[in-house]
């Protein structure tokens, strides 16, 4: 055999060995790849209905248990924020009449209502009839519950201040733990003391819409950097992001009105409905809700990146924990969506419904120091608490929040 014939044979043999090695690696890793796709690795049976969590039953306690509230229950629950497992803020846009699920009835050969397992009523929405005293009672807009779901504080003194409260926060880098409420109906954001006894600051001009340094157009959410720099998504009517310094002084704004639902130009928005920031890179992630995408900017509004949530999505709320992953709640699919910070889709879980553990209209997301997940659901009219399941894959859990000051 000459040297010219040896070289092709050797090359063929090398390729065969490489292919065999690839096949062996696939077989050897078969068990690992199968268990890694589960929220709880190695679990037999079941499915990822709640992902890596289990729903905490009877949390929070029904409002009907309060004296004089036998006929009323949680209304449009727009916000939730966990300062700790024992101090969780729940923000709602008034109470609604308590209703029992109607019995499913057959109305014809191809019609029955309500459909088992699906919500039988929608609590919040732009087109829902809303008459105070009949469809809604303006009480308990902001309450605090403990780990058992008991109401331990009611900030009822501020009910008359609020008009359409949208989200509630504590800046994770604020040692005084002041409480912020964004009210899109009031066209303002409010800063309260930690105990809720004093209103410290109002940013915006209450009840007056606008688009300058002192006026907003139905603002929606807030986010902070470790140095106290604050960003506001503004909002339902305006189409911009507003940047403030640590004292709430207006610094700048960016964004222009786009053409929904398929606007693709950078920096153009429609329904600016969610904002989170990366404390390391100082990048700002903006939920351009009506255009079904996230746009990414530097802290001064320079466009950097974007990704889509899909053609039928409607993401209400976004969240970023200390692990630097991006989560979003999709109101259409009823799923929690996980992405890396470049927009690569990683995982999802969730089912749309009104049964315990189902989710519909996730409007704000929060996580406490123990890893418990909280969601505010505007459409279902409730807050829910999810506890990590034993043995849950930590890669599938929503990350704990940054706590730079406390």
Protein backbone atom coordinates (compact mmCIF):
# COMPACT_ATOMS: atom_id res chain seq x y z
CA UNK A 1 0.00 0.00 0.00
CA UNK A 2 1.46 3.37 -0.98
CA UNK A 3 1.38 6.57 1.03
CA UNK A 4 -1.23 8.17 -1.24
CA UNK A 5 -3.78 5.47 -0.37
CA UNK A 6 -2.98 5.53 3.37
CA UNK A 7 -3.98 9.17 3.83
CA UNK A 8 -7.62 8.77 2.63
CA UNK A 9 -8.07 5.60 4.69
CA UNK A 10 -6.70 7.32 7.78
CA UNK A 11 -8.99 10.30 7.22
CA UNK A 12 -12.01 8.00 6.86
CA UNK A 13 -11.05 6.18 10.04
CA UNK A 14 -10.69 9.44 11.95
CA UNK A 15 -14.13 10.62 10.83
CA UNK A 16 -15.64 7.27 11.87
CA UNK A 17 -14.10 7.54 15.32
CA UNK A 18 -15.39 11.10 15.73
CA UNK A 19 -18.91 10.07 14.74
CA UNK A 20 -18.77 7.09 17.09
CA UNK A 21 -17.60 9.34 19.89
CA UNK A 22 -20.45 11.78 19.30
CA UNK A 23 -22.96 8.90 19.34
CA UNK A 24 -21.50 7.49 22.55
CA UNK A 25 -21.65 10.87 24.24
CA UNK A 26 -25.29 11.23 23.26
CA UNK A 27 -26.13 7.80 24.69
CA UNK A 28 -24.11 8.39 27.85
CA UNK A 29 -25.80 11.76 28.43
CA UNK A 30 -29.29 10.53 27.62
CA UNK A 31 -30.49 10.26 31.22
CA UNK A 32 -29.11 13.65 32.18
CA UNK A 33 -30.68 15.49 29.26
CA UNK A 34 -34.08 13.94 30.01
CA UNK A 35 -34.11 14.91 33.69
CA UNK A 36 -32.66 18.36 33.14
CA UNK A 37 -35.77 19.50 31.27
CA UNK A 38 -37.93 19.00 34.37
CA UNK A 39 -38.44 21.65 37.03
CA UNK A 40 -37.81 18.93 39.62
CA UNK A 41 -35.13 16.61 38.17
CA UNK A 42 -35.89 12.90 38.41
CA UNK A 43 -39.53 13.38 39.35
CA UNK A 44 -41.75 10.54 38.20
CA UNK A 45 -45.07 11.44 36.63
CA UNK A 46 -46.82 14.78 36.77
CA UNK A 47 -46.06 17.82 34.64
CA UNK A 48 -44.72 21.32 35.12
CA UNK A 49 -48.08 22.98 35.82
CA UNK A 50 -46.53 25.31 38.38
CA UNK A 51 -42.97 24.90 37.12
CA UNK A 52 -40.56 24.60 40.05
CA UNK A 53 -43.19 25.82 42.54
CA UNK A 54 -46.21 24.74 44.51
CA UNK A 55 -49.01 27.19 45.13
CA UNK A 56 -49.57 28.25 48.76
CA UNK A 57 -53.22 27.61 49.55
CA UNK A 58 -55.46 30.27 51.08
CA UNK A 59 -52.93 33.07 50.62
CA UNK A 60 -53.87 35.80 51.11
CA UNK A 61 -56.95 35.32 53.26
CA UNK A 62 -60.26 36.35 51.64
CA UNK A 63 -61.38 39.91 52.21
CA UNK A 64 -64.83 38.48 52.93
CA UNK A 65 -63.49 37.47 56.34
CA UNK A 66 -63.16 41.12 57.38
CA UNK A 67 -66.10 42.57 59.35
CA UNK A 68 -68.56 44.22 56.99
CA UNK A 69 -66.95 42.68 53.92
CA UNK A 70 -69.00 39.52 53.61
CA UNK A 71 -70.17 40.52 50.12
CA UNK A 72 -66.89 41.99 48.85
CA UNK A 73 -63.58 40.55 47.76
CA UNK A 74 -60.24 41.40 46.15
CA UNK A 75 -60.61 43.67 43.14
CA UNK A 76 -58.15 44.46 40.38
CA UNK A 77 -54.92 43.43 42.12
CA UNK A 78 -52.40 45.47 40.17
CA UNK A 79 -49.33 45.26 42.40
CA UNK A 80 -47.44 43.05 44.83
CA UNK A 81 -44.09 43.60 46.51
CA UNK A 82 -42.41 41.38 49.09
CA UNK A 83 -40.27 43.32 51.51
CA UNK A 84 -39.90 40.05 53.41
CA UNK A 85 -41.96 36.87 53.85
CA UNK A 86 -43.73 38.56 56.77
CA UNK A 87 -44.39 41.90 55.04
CA UNK A 88 -45.88 41.63 51.57
CA UNK A 89 -47.62 44.65 50.02
CA UNK A 90 -50.74 44.03 47.95
CA UNK A 91 -52.07 46.91 45.83
CA UNK A 92 -55.59 46.82 44.41
CA UNK A 93 -57.93 49.17 42.62
CA UNK A 94 -60.78 48.85 45.10
CA UNK A 95 -62.87 45.82 46.07
CA UNK A 96 -65.42 44.01 43.90
CA UNK A 97 -68.55 42.02 44.77
CA UNK A 98 -67.84 38.48 45.88
CA UNK A 99 -69.30 35.96 43.45
CA UNK A 100 -69.47 32.21 43.43
CA UNK A 101 -68.69 30.40 40.23
CA UNK A 102 -71.97 29.67 38.42
CA UNK A 103 -72.89 26.08 37.79
CA UNK A 104 -72.02 25.02 34.25
CA UNK A 105 -75.21 24.68 32.20
CA UNK A 106 -75.86 23.31 28.75
CA UNK A 107 -77.67 25.80 26.51
CA UNK A 108 -77.76 23.76 23.34
CA UNK A 109 -76.10 20.93 21.44
CA UNK A 110 -72.83 22.86 21.14
CA UNK A 111 -72.94 25.43 23.93
CA UNK A 112 -72.23 25.22 27.63
CA UNK A 113 -71.21 27.99 30.01
CA UNK A 114 -69.12 28.70 31.96
CA UNK A 115 -66.38 26.43 30.63
CA UNK A 116 -64.98 24.24 33.44
CA UNK A 117 -61.48 25.25 34.51
CA UNK A 118 -61.50 28.61 32.75
CA UNK A 119 -62.19 31.98 34.41
CA UNK A 120 -65.87 32.86 34.51
CA UNK A 121 -65.31 36.58 34.98
CA UNK A 122 -62.64 39.18 34.32
CA UNK A 123 -61.97 41.58 37.17
CA UNK A 124 -59.92 44.31 35.48
CA UNK A 125 -59.90 45.73 31.98
CA UNK A 126 -60.38 48.92 30.05
CA UNK A 127 -63.88 47.93 28.94
CA UNK A 128 -65.19 46.40 32.15
CA UNK A 129 -68.23 48.24 33.55
CA UNK A 130 -67.13 50.02 36.72
CA UNK A 131 -69.61 51.90 38.92
CA UNK A 132 -68.43 52.79 42.41
CA UNK A 133 -70.66 51.31 45.10
CA UNK A 134 -72.09 48.75 42.67
CA UNK A 135 -69.24 47.14 40.72
CA UNK A 136 -66.45 48.38 42.96
CA UNK A 137 -65.94 49.73 46.48
CA UNK A 138 -62.95 52.02 47.01
CA UNK A 139 -61.43 50.44 50.11
CA UNK A 140 -58.22 48.61 51.08
CA UNK A 141 -56.24 49.86 48.08
CA UNK A 142 -52.96 49.06 49.86
CA UNK A 143 -52.63 46.35 52.50
CA UNK A 144 -49.77 44.33 53.96
CA UNK A 145 -50.06 40.61 54.66
CA UNK A 146 -47.81 38.14 56.47
CA UNK A 147 -46.55 34.71 55.46
CA UNK A 148 -49.87 33.14 56.49
CA UNK A 149 -51.87 35.55 54.37
CA UNK A 150 -53.32 37.56 57.27
CA UNK A 151 -53.73 41.30 56.76
CA UNK A 152 -51.42 42.93 59.31
CA UNK A 153 -51.59 46.54 58.05
CA UNK A 154 -54.17 48.51 56.06
CA UNK A 155 -53.11 51.85 54.63
CA UNK A 156 -56.71 52.98 54.29
CA UNK A 157 -55.79 56.58 55.05
CA UNK A 158 -54.47 56.82 51.48
CA UNK A 159 -57.49 55.31 49.73
CA UNK A 160 -58.76 58.78 48.86
CA UNK A 161 -55.37 59.75 47.42
CA UNK A 162 -55.30 56.93 44.90
CA UNK A 163 -57.23 56.93 41.65
CA UNK A 164 -55.91 53.96 39.68
CA UNK A 165 -52.90 52.60 41.59
CA UNK A 166 -50.72 50.56 39.27
CA UNK A 167 -47.57 49.22 41.01
CA UNK A 168 -45.91 49.23 44.44
CA UNK A 169 -42.21 49.07 45.37
CA UNK A 170 -39.45 49.54 47.86
CA UNK A 171 -36.18 50.65 46.29
CA UNK A 172 -33.88 47.68 47.13
CA UNK A 173 -30.97 50.05 47.77
CA UNK A 174 -32.82 52.41 50.12
CA UNK A 175 -31.83 51.84 53.78
CA UNK A 176 -34.99 53.66 54.95
CA UNK A 177 -37.24 51.29 52.94
CA UNK A 178 -39.55 54.03 51.72
CA UNK A 179 -42.57 52.78 49.79
CA UNK A 180 -43.40 53.92 46.26
CA UNK A 181 -46.77 53.72 44.49
CA UNK A 182 -47.21 54.47 40.80
CA UNK A 183 -50.74 55.70 40.06
CA UNK A 184 -51.47 55.93 36.34
CA UNK A 185 -54.92 57.41 36.94
CA UNK A 186 -53.54 60.13 39.18
CA UNK A 187 -50.71 60.89 36.72
CA UNK A 188 -48.21 60.75 39.59
CA UNK A 189 -45.89 58.60 41.66
CA UNK A 190 -45.97 58.77 45.46
CA UNK A 191 -43.25 58.11 48.03
CA UNK A 192 -44.31 57.11 51.56
CA UNK A 193 -42.47 56.40 54.78
CA UNK A 194 -41.87 52.76 55.56
CA UNK A 195 -44.78 52.68 58.02
CA UNK A 196 -47.13 54.50 55.65
CA UNK A 197 -47.85 57.33 58.07
CA UNK A 198 -46.40 60.10 55.95
CA UNK A 199 -46.38 61.04 52.28
CA UNK A 200 -42.81 62.17 51.63
CA UNK A 201 -42.83 63.10 47.97
CA UNK A 202 -45.08 63.42 44.93
CA UNK A 203 -43.50 63.34 41.49
CA UNK A 204 -45.68 64.56 38.65
CA UNK A 205 -48.69 66.86 38.78
CA UNK A 206 -51.68 64.96 40.23
CA UNK A 207 -54.67 64.74 37.90
CA UNK A 208 -52.91 66.69 35.13
CA UNK A 209 -51.54 64.79 32.15
CA UNK A 210 -48.59 65.96 30.09
CA UNK A 211 -45.23 65.03 28.64
CA UNK A 212 -42.56 67.20 30.20
CA UNK A 213 -40.43 67.25 33.36
CA UNK A 214 -43.46 67.74 35.65
CA UNK A 215 -46.22 65.77 33.91
CA UNK A 216 -46.83 62.15 32.96
CA UNK A 217 -49.19 60.27 30.65
CA UNK A 218 -50.45 57.37 32.73
CA UNK A 219 -47.13 56.14 34.20
CA UNK A 220 -46.73 52.43 34.90
CA UNK A 221 -43.54 51.04 36.57
CA UNK A 222 -40.27 51.99 38.32
CA UNK A 223 -36.73 50.62 38.51
CA UNK A 224 -33.56 51.67 40.36
CA UNK A 225 -29.80 51.48 40.07
CA UNK A 226 -27.64 51.02 43.21
CA UNK A 227 -26.77 54.73 43.30
CA UNK A 228 -30.46 55.64 43.52
CA UNK A 229 -30.93 56.60 39.87
CA UNK A 230 -34.59 55.92 39.07
CA UNK A 231 -36.35 55.09 35.80
CA UNK A 232 -40.07 55.37 35.07
CA UNK A 233 -41.97 53.77 32.20
CA UNK A 234 -44.42 56.42 31.00
CA UNK A 235 -46.71 54.82 30.02
CA UNK A 236 -50.15 54.00 28.68
CA UNK A 237 -50.61 57.39 26.97
CA UNK A 238 -47.05 58.71 26.78
CA UNK A 239 -44.42 56.70 24.94
CA UNK A 240 -41.19 57.32 26.81
CA UNK A 241 -38.80 56.40 29.61
CA UNK A 242 -38.06 59.06 32.22
CA UNK A 243 -34.81 59.16 34.21
CA UNK A 244 -34.46 60.78 37.66
CA UNK A 245 -31.59 61.21 40.09
CA UNK A 246 -31.63 59.71 43.59
CA UNK A 247 -33.68 62.64 44.90
CA UNK A 248 -36.37 62.35 42.25
CA UNK A 249 -35.04 65.25 40.14
CA UNK A 250 -35.87 64.96 36.46
CA UNK A 251 -32.78 64.30 34.34
CA UNK A 252 -33.95 63.27 30.87
CA UNK A 253 -36.42 61.22 28.84
CA UNK A 254 -36.39 59.24 25.61
CA UNK A 255 -38.87 57.54 23.32
CA UNK A 256 -41.24 58.35 20.49
CA UNK A 257 -44.73 57.20 19.55
CA UNK A 258 -44.76 54.17 17.26
CA UNK A 259 -47.31 52.33 15.14
CA UNK A 260 -48.63 49.25 16.95
CA UNK A 261 -48.70 46.29 16.84
CA UNK A 262 -45.68 45.80 14.57
CA UNK A 263 -43.46 48.78 15.21
CA UNK A 264 -39.82 47.78 14.68
CA UNK A 265 -37.95 51.07 14.85
CA UNK A 266 -35.60 51.44 17.84
CA UNK A 267 -36.78 53.87 20.48
CA UNK A 268 -40.39 53.91 19.30
CA UNK A 269 -42.94 52.64 21.86
CA UNK A 270 -46.62 51.86 22.29
CA UNK A 271 -47.86 51.16 25.82
CA UNK A 272 -44.60 51.41 27.76
CA UNK A 273 -45.62 48.84 30.36
CA UNK A 274 -42.66 47.51 32.33
CA UNK A 275 -39.07 48.42 33.08
CA UNK A 276 -36.13 46.70 34.79
CA UNK A 277 -32.45 47.60 35.02
CA UNK A 278 -29.24 45.59 35.32
CA UNK A 279 -27.24 47.01 38.26
CA UNK A 280 -23.95 45.80 36.76
CA UNK A 281 -24.16 47.01 33.16
CA UNK A 282 -26.70 49.77 33.96
CA UNK A 283 -28.72 48.67 30.94
CA UNK A 284 -32.43 49.50 30.88
CA UNK A 285 -34.89 46.85 29.65
CA UNK A 286 -38.18 48.38 28.49
CA UNK A 287 -41.36 46.40 27.84
CA UNK A 288 -42.83 47.81 24.63
CA UNK A 289 -46.07 45.98 25.33
CA UNK A 290 -48.25 46.84 22.34
CA UNK A 291 -45.39 45.92 19.99
CA UNK A 292 -44.76 42.63 21.83
CA UNK A 293 -41.09 43.25 22.42
CA UNK A 294 -38.41 44.30 24.89
CA UNK A 295 -36.06 47.09 23.90
CA UNK A 296 -32.68 47.48 25.62
CA UNK A 297 -30.89 50.79 26.13
CA UNK A 298 -27.97 52.20 28.01
CA UNK A 299 -28.93 54.42 30.93
CA UNK A 300 -29.07 57.50 28.69
CA UNK A 301 -31.36 56.06 26.04
CA UNK A 302 -28.91 54.69 23.47
CA UNK A 303 -30.52 51.69 21.78
CA UNK A 304 -28.58 48.43 22.19
CA UNK A 305 -30.80 45.42 21.52
CA UNK A 306 -34.35 44.05 21.30
CA UNK A 307 -36.28 40.79 21.19
CA UNK A 308 -39.86 39.73 20.59
CA UNK A 309 -42.15 37.87 22.99
CA UNK A 310 -43.99 36.25 20.09
CA UNK A 311 -46.83 37.16 17.70
CA UNK A 312 -49.74 36.56 20.11
CA UNK A 313 -48.17 37.74 23.36
CA UNK A 314 -49.18 40.53 25.72
CA UNK A 315 -46.61 40.88 28.46
CA UNK A 316 -47.81 42.99 31.39
CA UNK A 317 -44.95 42.67 33.85
CA UNK A 318 -41.19 42.08 33.78
CA UNK A 319 -38.70 41.25 36.53
CA UNK A 320 -34.94 40.84 37.01
CA UNK A 321 -33.44 39.25 40.12
CA UNK A 322 -29.94 39.23 41.53
CA UNK A 323 -29.08 36.33 39.22
CA UNK A 324 -29.41 38.64 36.18
CA UNK A 325 -32.10 36.74 34.31
CA UNK A 326 -35.13 38.39 32.74
CA UNK A 327 -38.65 37.14 33.49
CA UNK A 328 -41.93 38.21 31.92
CA UNK A 329 -45.57 37.38 32.59
CA UNK A 330 -47.60 36.82 29.42
CA UNK A 331 -51.31 37.52 29.82
CA UNK A 332 -52.26 35.71 26.60
CA UNK A 333 -50.57 32.35 27.17
CA UNK A 334 -50.72 32.47 30.97
CA UNK A 335 -47.02 31.67 31.18
CA UNK A 336 -43.98 32.95 33.01
CA UNK A 337 -41.16 33.39 30.48
CA UNK A 338 -37.43 33.28 31.21
CA UNK A 339 -34.74 34.89 29.02
CA UNK A 340 -31.08 35.65 29.35
CA UNK A 341 -30.06 39.30 29.05
CA UNK A 342 -29.42 38.96 25.32
CA UNK A 343 -33.00 37.80 24.78
CA UNK A 344 -32.46 34.06 24.34
CA UNK A 345 -35.54 32.12 25.47
CA UNK A 346 -34.67 29.64 28.24
CA UNK A 347 -37.79 28.28 29.94
CA UNK A 348 -41.49 28.85 30.62
CA UNK A 349 -44.19 27.52 32.89
CA UNK A 350 -47.76 28.35 33.79
CA UNK A 351 -51.38 27.70 32.80
CA UNK A 352 -54.16 30.21 32.26
CA UNK A 353 -57.19 29.70 34.51
CA UNK A 354 -58.79 30.76 37.77
CA UNK A 355 -57.98 27.68 39.85
CA UNK A 356 -55.28 27.92 42.55
CA UNK A 357 -51.90 28.08 40.86
CA UNK A 358 -53.23 29.12 37.46
CA UNK A 359 -52.29 32.63 36.37
CA UNK A 360 -54.17 35.23 34.35
CA UNK A 361 -53.00 38.77 33.81
CA UNK A 362 -49.76 38.82 35.85
CA UNK A 363 -49.28 42.54 36.44
CA UNK A 364 -46.39 42.64 38.93
CA UNK A 365 -43.83 40.03 40.01
CA UNK A 366 -41.91 39.89 43.29
CA UNK A 367 -39.69 37.41 45.15
CA UNK A 368 -38.76 37.38 48.84
CA UNK A 369 -35.49 36.42 50.55
CA UNK A 370 -36.62 32.79 50.93
CA UNK A 371 -37.30 32.45 47.21
CA UNK A 372 -41.11 32.57 47.45
CA UNK A 373 -42.65 34.00 44.30
CA UNK A 374 -45.57 36.44 44.35
CA UNK A 375 -47.71 37.55 41.41
CA UNK A 376 -50.45 40.17 41.17
CA UNK A 377 -53.16 39.15 38.70
CA UNK A 378 -55.35 41.95 37.40
CA UNK A 379 -57.68 39.71 35.40
CA UNK A 380 -58.21 37.08 38.10
CA UNK A 381 -58.43 39.75 40.79
CA UNK A 382 -55.99 38.22 43.23
CA UNK A 383 -52.42 37.86 44.43
CA UNK A 384 -50.84 34.42 44.59
CA UNK A 385 -47.87 33.02 46.49
CA UNK A 386 -45.73 30.17 45.16
CA UNK A 387 -43.26 28.22 47.28
CA UNK A 388 -40.22 26.48 45.69
CA UNK A 389 -40.81 22.73 45.46
CA UNK A 390 -38.47 20.37 47.23
CA UNK A 391 -35.67 19.41 44.88
CA UNK A 392 -36.56 22.10 42.34
CA UNK A 393 -33.94 22.87 39.74
CA UNK A 394 -32.59 26.28 40.85
CA UNK A 395 -32.11 27.30 37.21
CA UNK A 396 -35.90 27.34 36.83
CA UNK A 397 -36.67 29.49 39.88
CA UNK A 398 -37.33 33.21 39.55
CA UNK A 399 -34.26 34.81 41.12
CA UNK A 400 -34.22 36.44 44.53
CA UNK A 401 -34.13 40.24 44.46
CA UNK A 402 -31.05 42.40 44.92
CA UNK A 403 -30.91 43.84 48.42
CA UNK A 404 -28.07 46.30 48.47
CA UNK A 405 -29.11 48.14 51.61
CA UNK A 406 -31.09 45.68 53.75
